[in-house]
Amino acid sequence: MRIISGTFRSRTLEAPAGLATRPTSDRLRETLFNVLAPRIAGAALLDLYAGSGAVGLEAISRGAMQVVFVERAPAALKALHANLAKLSIRDGFRVDSNKVSAALRRLEKGVAQTRFDIVFLDPPYEDADKYASTLGQLGGGLIGLLAPEAVVIAEHRRKQRLELRYGALHRTRLLEQGDAALSFYRLTESEGEAGEAGDDSGGMKA
């Protein structure tokens, strides 16, 4: 793995040992950040099920103001901290080693300090229930974590179809690449979205 662009461009990253963690591929990460490029500078990003931290580190490299990594697997945490040290990143981030559901509740209590512009989640593909529970939290009781124009992105298997709506979140775009897919969600107009609701055709700006 490597950083694709920005301050740390071409720097290599450590991957977690073993097969329990599946890092987002460089190619898929490049696709993701091609879409997010206009949003990254100065953004607050929440990287859930962060693994090695590749997505959050890419965001820092491209000018994100703050990144919160949420990861609890020991091997992944070891790789994440190794990558932060390798890149000499000392501020502008926080690592939360709690379960994602607990981390979200903790973050919600500090919402006056941070509302996230971008949320990325990449649970283990086989844990389908984590998509529903995490997106349900973000689109429901913990909606206050999201800035009005926030985008929430879930990486999942191409064959796994996520719901079009999770509470106040609705899907505006679906990108497929190889065996993986990225589903983009935004808030409905009633919850502060400025643009028009999408039809899931993939043509809307994320």
C-alpha atoms as a PDB file:
ATOM      1  CA  MET A   1       0.000   0.000   0.000  1.00  0.00           C
ATOM      2  CA  ARG A   2       1.054   3.574  -0.607  1.00  0.00           C
ATOM      3  CA  ILE A   3      -0.154   7.142  -0.223  1.00  0.00           C
ATOM      4  CA  ILE A   4      -1.463   8.204  -3.620  1.00  0.00           C
ATOM      5  CA  SER A   5      -1.281  12.005  -3.523  1.00  0.00           C
ATOM      6  CA  GLY A   6      -0.501  15.029  -1.397  1.00  0.00           C
ATOM      7  CA  THR A   7       2.190  15.717   1.182  1.00  0.00           C
ATOM      8  CA  PHE A   8       3.095  12.043   1.633  1.00  0.00           C
ATOM      9  CA  ARG A   9       2.683  10.984  -1.976  1.00  0.00           C
ATOM     10  CA  SER A  10       4.241   7.590  -2.825  1.00  0.00           C
ATOM     11  CA  ARG A  11       5.151   6.831   0.784  1.00  0.00           C
ATOM     12  CA  THR A  12       4.499   3.162   1.573  1.00  0.00           C
ATOM     13  CA  LEU A  13       2.255   1.967   4.390  1.00  0.00           C
ATOM     14  CA  GLU A  14       2.337  -1.025   6.693  1.00  0.00           C
ATOM     15  CA  ALA A  15      -0.495  -3.550   6.384  1.00  0.00           C
ATOM     16  CA  PRO A  16      -1.850  -5.482   9.379  1.00  0.00           C
ATOM     17  CA  ALA A  17      -0.442  -8.962   9.853  1.00  0.00           C
ATOM     18  CA  GLY A  18      -2.725 -11.913   9.094  1.00  0.00           C
ATOM     19  CA  LEU A  19      -5.924 -12.147   7.093  1.00  0.00           C
ATOM     20  CA  ALA A  20      -8.421 -10.677   9.558  1.00  0.00           C
ATOM     21  CA  THR A  21      -8.110  -7.171   8.094  1.00  0.00           C
ATOM     22  CA  ARG A  22      -8.666  -6.382   4.407  1.00  0.00           C
ATOM     23  CA  PRO A  23      -7.074  -3.052   3.449  1.00  0.00           C
ATOM     24  CA  THR A  24      -8.787  -0.883   0.861  1.00  0.00           C
ATOM     25  CA  SER A  25      -6.815  -1.369  -2.348  1.00  0.00           C
ATOM     26  CA  ASP A  26      -4.757   1.494  -3.786  1.00  0.00           C
ATOM     27  CA  ARG A  27      -6.919   1.475  -6.899  1.00  0.00           C
ATOM     28  CA  LEU A  28     -10.207   1.700  -5.003  1.00  0.00           C
ATOM     29  CA  ARG A  29      -8.769   4.350  -2.683  1.00  0.00           C
ATOM     30  CA  GLU A  30      -7.739   6.386  -5.717  1.00  0.00           C
ATOM     31  CA  THR A  31     -11.281   6.125  -7.087  1.00  0.00           C
ATOM     32  CA  LEU A  32     -12.670   7.208  -3.715  1.00  0.00           C
ATOM     33  CA  PHE A  33     -10.432  10.250  -3.471  1.00  0.00           C
ATOM     34  CA  ASN A  34     -11.038  11.271  -7.070  1.00  0.00           C
ATOM     35  CA  VAL A  35     -14.668  11.731  -6.024  1.00  0.00           C
ATOM     36  CA  LEU A  36     -13.864  13.350  -2.676  1.00  0.00           C
ATOM     37  CA  ALA A  37     -11.100  15.656  -3.944  1.00  0.00           C
ATOM     38  CA  PRO A  38     -13.114  18.916  -3.754  1.00  0.00           C
ATOM     39  CA  ARG A  39     -14.100  18.136  -0.153  1.00  0.00           C
ATOM     40  CA  ILE A  40     -10.829  17.082   1.468  1.00  0.00           C
ATOM     41  CA  ALA A  41      -8.923  20.306   2.205  1.00  0.00           C
ATOM     42  CA  GLY A  42      -9.849  21.479   5.698  1.00  0.00           C
ATOM     43  CA  ALA A  43     -12.323  18.630   6.257  1.00  0.00           C
ATOM     44  CA  ALA A  44     -13.001  16.589   9.380  1.00  0.00           C
ATOM     45  CA  LEU A  45     -13.022  12.897   8.476  1.00  0.00           C
ATOM     46  CA  LEU A  46     -14.162   9.912  10.514  1.00  0.00           C
ATOM     47  CA  ASP A  47     -12.481   6.640   9.488  1.00  0.00           C
ATOM     48  CA  LEU A  48     -14.509   3.738  10.939  1.00  0.00           C
ATOM     49  CA  TYR A  49     -13.101   0.196  10.986  1.00  0.00           C
ATOM     50  CA  ALA A  50      -9.912   2.025  10.010  1.00  0.00           C
ATOM     51  CA  GLY A  51      -7.555  -0.950   9.735  1.00  0.00           C
ATOM     52  CA  SER A  52      -4.097   0.316   8.790  1.00  0.00           C
ATOM     53  CA  GLY A  53      -5.499   3.854   8.522  1.00  0.00           C
ATOM     54  CA  ALA A  54      -4.852   4.096   4.777  1.00  0.00           C
ATOM     55  CA  VAL A  55      -8.001   6.125   4.035  1.00  0.00           C
ATOM     56  CA  GLY A  56      -7.554   8.571   6.898  1.00  0.00           C
ATOM     57  CA  LEU A  57      -3.833   8.928   6.185  1.00  0.00           C
ATOM     58  CA  GLU A  58      -4.590   9.662   2.534  1.00  0.00           C
ATOM     59  CA  ALA A  59      -6.982  12.372   3.715  1.00  0.00           C
ATOM     60  CA  ILE A  60      -4.322  13.906   5.979  1.00  0.00           C
ATOM     61  CA  SER A  61      -1.845  13.840   3.098  1.00  0.00           C
ATOM     62  CA  ARG A  62      -4.361  15.764   0.978  1.00  0.00           C
ATOM     63  CA  GLY A  63      -5.048  18.448   3.573  1.00  0.00           C
ATOM     64  CA  ALA A  64      -7.794  17.184   5.889  1.00  0.00           C
ATOM     65  CA  MET A  65      -7.879  19.252   9.069  1.00  0.00           C
ATOM     66  CA  GLN A  66      -8.810  16.448  11.448  1.00  0.00           C
ATOM     67  CA  VAL A  67      -9.125  12.674  11.222  1.00  0.00           C
ATOM     68  CA  VAL A  68     -10.512  10.311  13.833  1.00  0.00           C
ATOM     69  CA  PHE A  69      -9.519   6.660  13.354  1.00  0.00           C
ATOM     70  CA  VAL A  70     -11.721   4.036  14.999  1.00  0.00           C
ATOM     71  CA  GLU A  71     -10.187   0.554  15.169  1.00  0.00           C
ATOM     72  CA  ARG A  72      -9.946  -2.072  17.887  1.00  0.00           C
ATOM     73  CA  ALA A  73      -8.214  -5.122  16.316  1.00  0.00           C
ATOM     74  CA  PRO A  74      -4.710  -5.359  17.850  1.00  0.00           C
ATOM     75  CA  ALA A  75      -2.892  -6.147  14.582  1.00  0.00           C
ATOM     76  CA  ALA A  76      -4.621  -3.297  12.776  1.00  0.00           C
ATOM     77  CA  LEU A  77      -3.941  -0.859  15.623  1.00  0.00           C
ATOM     78  CA  LYS A  78      -0.264  -1.822  15.561  1.00  0.00           C
ATOM     79  CA  ALA A  79      -0.092  -1.105  11.814  1.00  0.00           C
ATOM     80  CA  LEU A  80      -2.021   2.152  12.210  1.00  0.00           C
ATOM     81  CA  HIS A  81       0.304   3.491  14.902  1.00  0.00           C
ATOM     82  CA  ALA A  82       3.326   2.327  12.882  1.00  0.00           C
ATOM     83  CA  ASN A  83       2.067   4.253   9.846  1.00  0.00           C
ATOM     84  CA  LEU A  84       1.450   7.425  11.859  1.00  0.00           C
ATOM     85  CA  ALA A  85       4.991   7.179  13.235  1.00  0.00           C
ATOM     86  CA  LYS A  86       6.464   6.357   9.818  1.00  0.00           C
ATOM     87  CA  LEU A  87       4.920   9.488   8.339  1.00  0.00           C
ATOM     88  CA  SER A  88       5.825  11.573  11.432  1.00  0.00           C
ATOM     89  CA  ILE A  89       2.199  12.654  11.883  1.00  0.00           C
ATOM     90  CA  ARG A  90       1.905  14.054  15.402  1.00  0.00           C
ATOM     91  CA  ASP A  91      -1.271  16.133  15.377  1.00  0.00           C
ATOM     92  CA  GLY A  92      -4.538  16.553  13.533  1.00  0.00           C
ATOM     93  CA  PHE A  93      -5.725  13.042  14.399  1.00  0.00           C
ATOM     94  CA  ARG A  94      -7.107  10.865  17.159  1.00  0.00           C
ATOM     95  CA  VAL A  95      -7.215   7.073  17.512  1.00  0.00           C
ATOM     96  CA  ASP A  96     -10.194   5.480  19.291  1.00  0.00           C
ATOM     97  CA  SER A  97      -9.791   1.782  20.079  1.00  0.00           C
ATOM     98  CA  ASN A  98     -13.374   1.216  21.225  1.00  0.00           C
ATOM     99  CA  LYS A  99     -16.075  -0.637  19.330  1.00  0.00           C
ATOM    100  CA  VAL A 100     -17.495   1.535  16.570  1.00  0.00           C
ATOM    101  CA  SER A 101     -20.928   1.795  18.208  1.00  0.00           C
ATOM    102  CA  ALA A 102     -19.363   2.950  21.486  1.00  0.00           C
ATOM    103  CA  ALA A 103     -16.938   5.287  19.715  1.00  0.00           C
ATOM    104  CA  LEU A 104     -19.803   6.967  17.866  1.00  0.00           C
ATOM    105  CA  ARG A 105     -21.684   7.553  21.124  1.00  0.00           C
ATOM    106  CA  ARG A 106     -18.548   9.038  22.694  1.00  0.00           C
ATOM    107  CA  LEU A 107     -17.991  11.288  19.711  1.00  0.00           C
ATOM    108  CA  GLU A 108     -21.604  12.431  19.769  1.00  0.00           C
ATOM    109  CA  LYS A 109     -21.093  13.791  23.277  1.00  0.00           C
ATOM    110  CA  GLY A 110     -18.363  16.042  21.906  1.00  0.00           C
ATOM    111  CA  VAL A 111     -20.315  17.122  18.845  1.00  0.00           C
ATOM    112  CA  ALA A 112     -19.959  20.797  19.764  1.00  0.00           C
ATOM    113  CA  GLN A 113     -16.261  20.413  18.952  1.00  0.00           C
ATOM    114  CA  THR A 114     -16.518  18.277  15.800  1.00  0.00           C
ATOM    115  CA  ARG A 115     -19.117  17.633  13.119  1.00  0.00           C
ATOM    116  CA  PHE A 116     -17.749  15.395  10.407  1.00  0.00           C
ATOM    117  CA  ASP A 117     -17.722  16.370   6.748  1.00  0.00           C
ATOM    118  CA  ILE A 118     -16.775  12.858   5.581  1.00  0.00           C
ATOM    119  CA  VAL A 119     -17.390   9.462   7.178  1.00  0.00           C
ATOM    120  CA  PHE A 120     -15.849   6.330   5.700  1.00  0.00           C
ATOM    121  CA  LEU A 121     -16.713   2.847   6.936  1.00  0.00           C
ATOM    122  CA  ASP A 122     -15.198  -0.438   5.857  1.00  0.00           C
ATOM    123  CA  PRO A 123     -16.334  -3.259   8.145  1.00  0.00           C
ATOM    124  CA  PRO A 124     -15.270  -6.843   7.447  1.00  0.00           C
ATOM    125  CA  TYR A 125     -17.298  -7.853   4.399  1.00  0.00           C
ATOM    126  CA  GLU A 126     -18.711 -10.894   6.178  1.00  0.00           C
ATOM    127  CA  ASP A 127     -20.143  -8.795   9.032  1.00  0.00           C
ATOM    128  CA  ALA A 128     -23.150  -7.551   7.069  1.00  0.00           C
ATOM    129  CA  ASP A 129     -24.970  -6.506  10.232  1.00  0.00           C
ATOM    130  CA  LYS A 130     -22.310  -3.873  10.948  1.00  0.00           C
ATOM    131  CA  TYR A 131     -23.273  -1.951   7.828  1.00  0.00           C
ATOM    132  CA  ALA A 132     -26.878  -1.724   8.938  1.00  0.00           C
ATOM    133  CA  SER A 133     -26.069  -0.903  12.556  1.00  0.00           C
ATOM    134  CA  THR A 134     -23.421   1.740  11.790  1.00  0.00           C
ATOM    135  CA  LEU A 135     -25.323   3.442   8.976  1.00  0.00           C
ATOM    136  CA  GLY A 136     -28.453   3.222  11.103  1.00  0.00           C
ATOM    137  CA  GLN A 137     -26.705   5.037  13.952  1.00  0.00           C
ATOM    138  CA  LEU A 138     -25.375   7.736  11.651  1.00  0.00           C
ATOM    139  CA  GLY A 139     -28.738   8.254   9.966  1.00  0.00           C
ATOM    140  CA  GLY A 140     -30.688   8.062  13.210  1.00  0.00           C
ATOM    141  CA  GLY A 141     -29.914   9.010  16.781  1.00  0.00           C
ATOM    142  CA  LEU A 142     -26.359  10.125  16.086  1.00  0.00           C
ATOM    143  CA  ILE A 143     -27.139  12.284  13.071  1.00  0.00           C
ATOM    144  CA  GLY A 144     -25.730  15.242  15.007  1.00  0.00           C
ATOM    145  CA  LEU A 145     -22.240  13.932  14.237  1.00  0.00           C
ATOM    146  CA  LEU A 146     -22.685  14.904  10.594  1.00  0.00           C
ATOM    147  CA  ALA A 147     -22.170  18.329   9.091  1.00  0.00           C
ATOM    148  CA  PRO A 148     -25.149  19.483   6.957  1.00  0.00           C
ATOM    149  CA  GLU A 149     -23.335  18.686   3.690  1.00  0.00           C
ATOM    150  CA  ALA A 150     -21.641  15.533   4.979  1.00  0.00           C
ATOM    151  CA  VAL A 151     -21.050  12.487   2.819  1.00  0.00           C
ATOM    152  CA  VAL A 152     -20.964   8.972   4.281  1.00  0.00           C
ATOM    153  CA  ILE A 153     -19.240   6.267   2.234  1.00  0.00           C
ATOM    154  CA  ALA A 154     -19.426   2.525   2.816  1.00  0.00           C
ATOM    155  CA  GLU A 155     -17.053   0.083   1.144  1.00  0.00           C
ATOM    156  CA  HIS A 156     -18.647  -3.327   0.610  1.00  0.00           C
ATOM    157  CA  ARG A 157     -18.725  -6.360  -1.643  1.00  0.00           C
ATOM    158  CA  ARG A 158     -20.064  -5.643  -5.095  1.00  0.00           C
ATOM    159  CA  LYS A 159     -22.612  -8.437  -4.689  1.00  0.00           C
ATOM    160  CA  GLN A 160     -23.795  -7.076  -1.340  1.00  0.00           C
ATOM    161  CA  ARG A 161     -26.585  -4.575  -1.849  1.00  0.00           C
ATOM    162  CA  LEU A 162     -26.959  -2.014   0.899  1.00  0.00           C
ATOM    163  CA  GLU A 163     -30.253  -0.258   1.569  1.00  0.00           C
ATOM    164  CA  LEU A 164     -31.129   2.914  -0.310  1.00  0.00           C
ATOM    165  CA  ARG A 165     -31.951   4.637   2.985  1.00  0.00           C
ATOM    166  CA  TYR A 166     -30.819   4.424   6.584  1.00  0.00           C
ATOM    167  CA  GLY A 167     -32.922   6.899   8.520  1.00  0.00           C
ATOM    168  CA  ALA A 168     -32.052  10.386   7.285  1.00  0.00           C
ATOM    169  CA  LEU A 169     -29.262   9.077   5.026  1.00  0.00           C
ATOM    170  CA  HIS A 170     -30.080   8.272   1.408  1.00  0.00           C
ATOM    171  CA  ARG A 171     -27.799   6.796  -1.208  1.00  0.00           C
ATOM    172  CA  THR A 172     -26.809   9.184  -3.973  1.00  0.00           C
ATOM    173  CA  ARG A 173     -24.138   7.185  -5.786  1.00  0.00           C
ATOM    174  CA  LEU A 174     -22.862   3.637  -6.236  1.00  0.00           C
ATOM    175  CA  LEU A 175     -19.419   2.971  -7.698  1.00  0.00           C
ATOM    176  CA  GLU A 176     -18.300  -0.565  -8.512  1.00  0.00           C
ATOM    177  CA  GLN A 177     -14.745  -1.718  -9.110  1.00  0.00           C
ATOM    178  CA  GLY A 178     -13.756  -5.361  -9.373  1.00  0.00           C
ATOM    179  CA  ASP A 179     -15.302  -7.266  -6.465  1.00  0.00           C
ATOM    180  CA  ALA A 180     -15.720  -4.105  -4.365  1.00  0.00           C
ATOM    181  CA  ALA A 181     -18.191  -1.243  -4.342  1.00  0.00           C
ATOM    182  CA  LEU A 182     -18.558   2.179  -2.725  1.00  0.00           C
ATOM    183  CA  SER A 183     -21.989   3.406  -1.653  1.00  0.00           C
ATOM    184  CA  PHE A 184     -22.259   7.170  -1.052  1.00  0.00           C
ATOM    185  CA  TYR A 185     -24.916   8.558   1.301  1.00  0.00           C
ATOM    186  CA  ARG A 186     -26.033  12.062   2.123  1.00  0.00           C
ATOM    187  CA  LEU A 187     -28.639  13.623   4.375  1.00  0.00           C
ATOM    188  CA  THR A 188     -32.154  14.137   3.073  1.00  0.00           C
ATOM    189  CA  GLU A 189     -33.264  17.701   2.400  1.00  0.00           C
ATOM    190  CA  SER A 190     -35.260  17.773   5.609  1.00  0.00           C
ATOM    191  CA  GLU A 191     -32.065  17.121   7.541  1.00  0.00           C
ATOM    192  CA  GLY A 192     -30.083  19.898   5.914  1.00  0.00           C
ATOM    193  CA  GLU A 193     -28.985  18.698   2.481  1.00  0.00           C
ATOM    194  CA  ALA A 194     -28.655  21.581   0.059  1.00  0.00           C
ATOM    195  CA  GLY A 195     -28.797  19.588  -3.190  1.00  0.00           C
ATOM    196  CA  GLU A 196     -31.575  17.552  -4.710  1.00  0.00           C
ATOM    197  CA  ALA A 197     -32.203  13.994  -3.640  1.00  0.00           C
ATOM    198  CA  GLY A 198     -30.544  11.457  -5.910  1.00  0.00           C
ATOM    199  CA  ASP A 199     -32.115   8.523  -7.717  1.00  0.00           C
ATOM    200  CA  ASP A 200     -29.176   6.155  -7.085  1.00  0.00           C
ATOM    201  CA  SER A 201     -28.264   6.295 -10.763  1.00  0.00           C
ATOM    202  CA  GLY A 202     -24.633   7.037  -9.931  1.00  0.00           C
ATOM    203  CA  GLY A 203     -24.665  10.401 -11.683  1.00  0.00           C
ATOM    204  CA  MET A 204     -24.860  12.673  -8.654  1.00  0.00           C
ATOM    205  CA  LYS A 205     -21.883  14.425  -7.186  1.00  0.00           C
ATOM    206  CA  ALA A 206     -20.878  12.713  -3.936  1.00  0.00           C
END
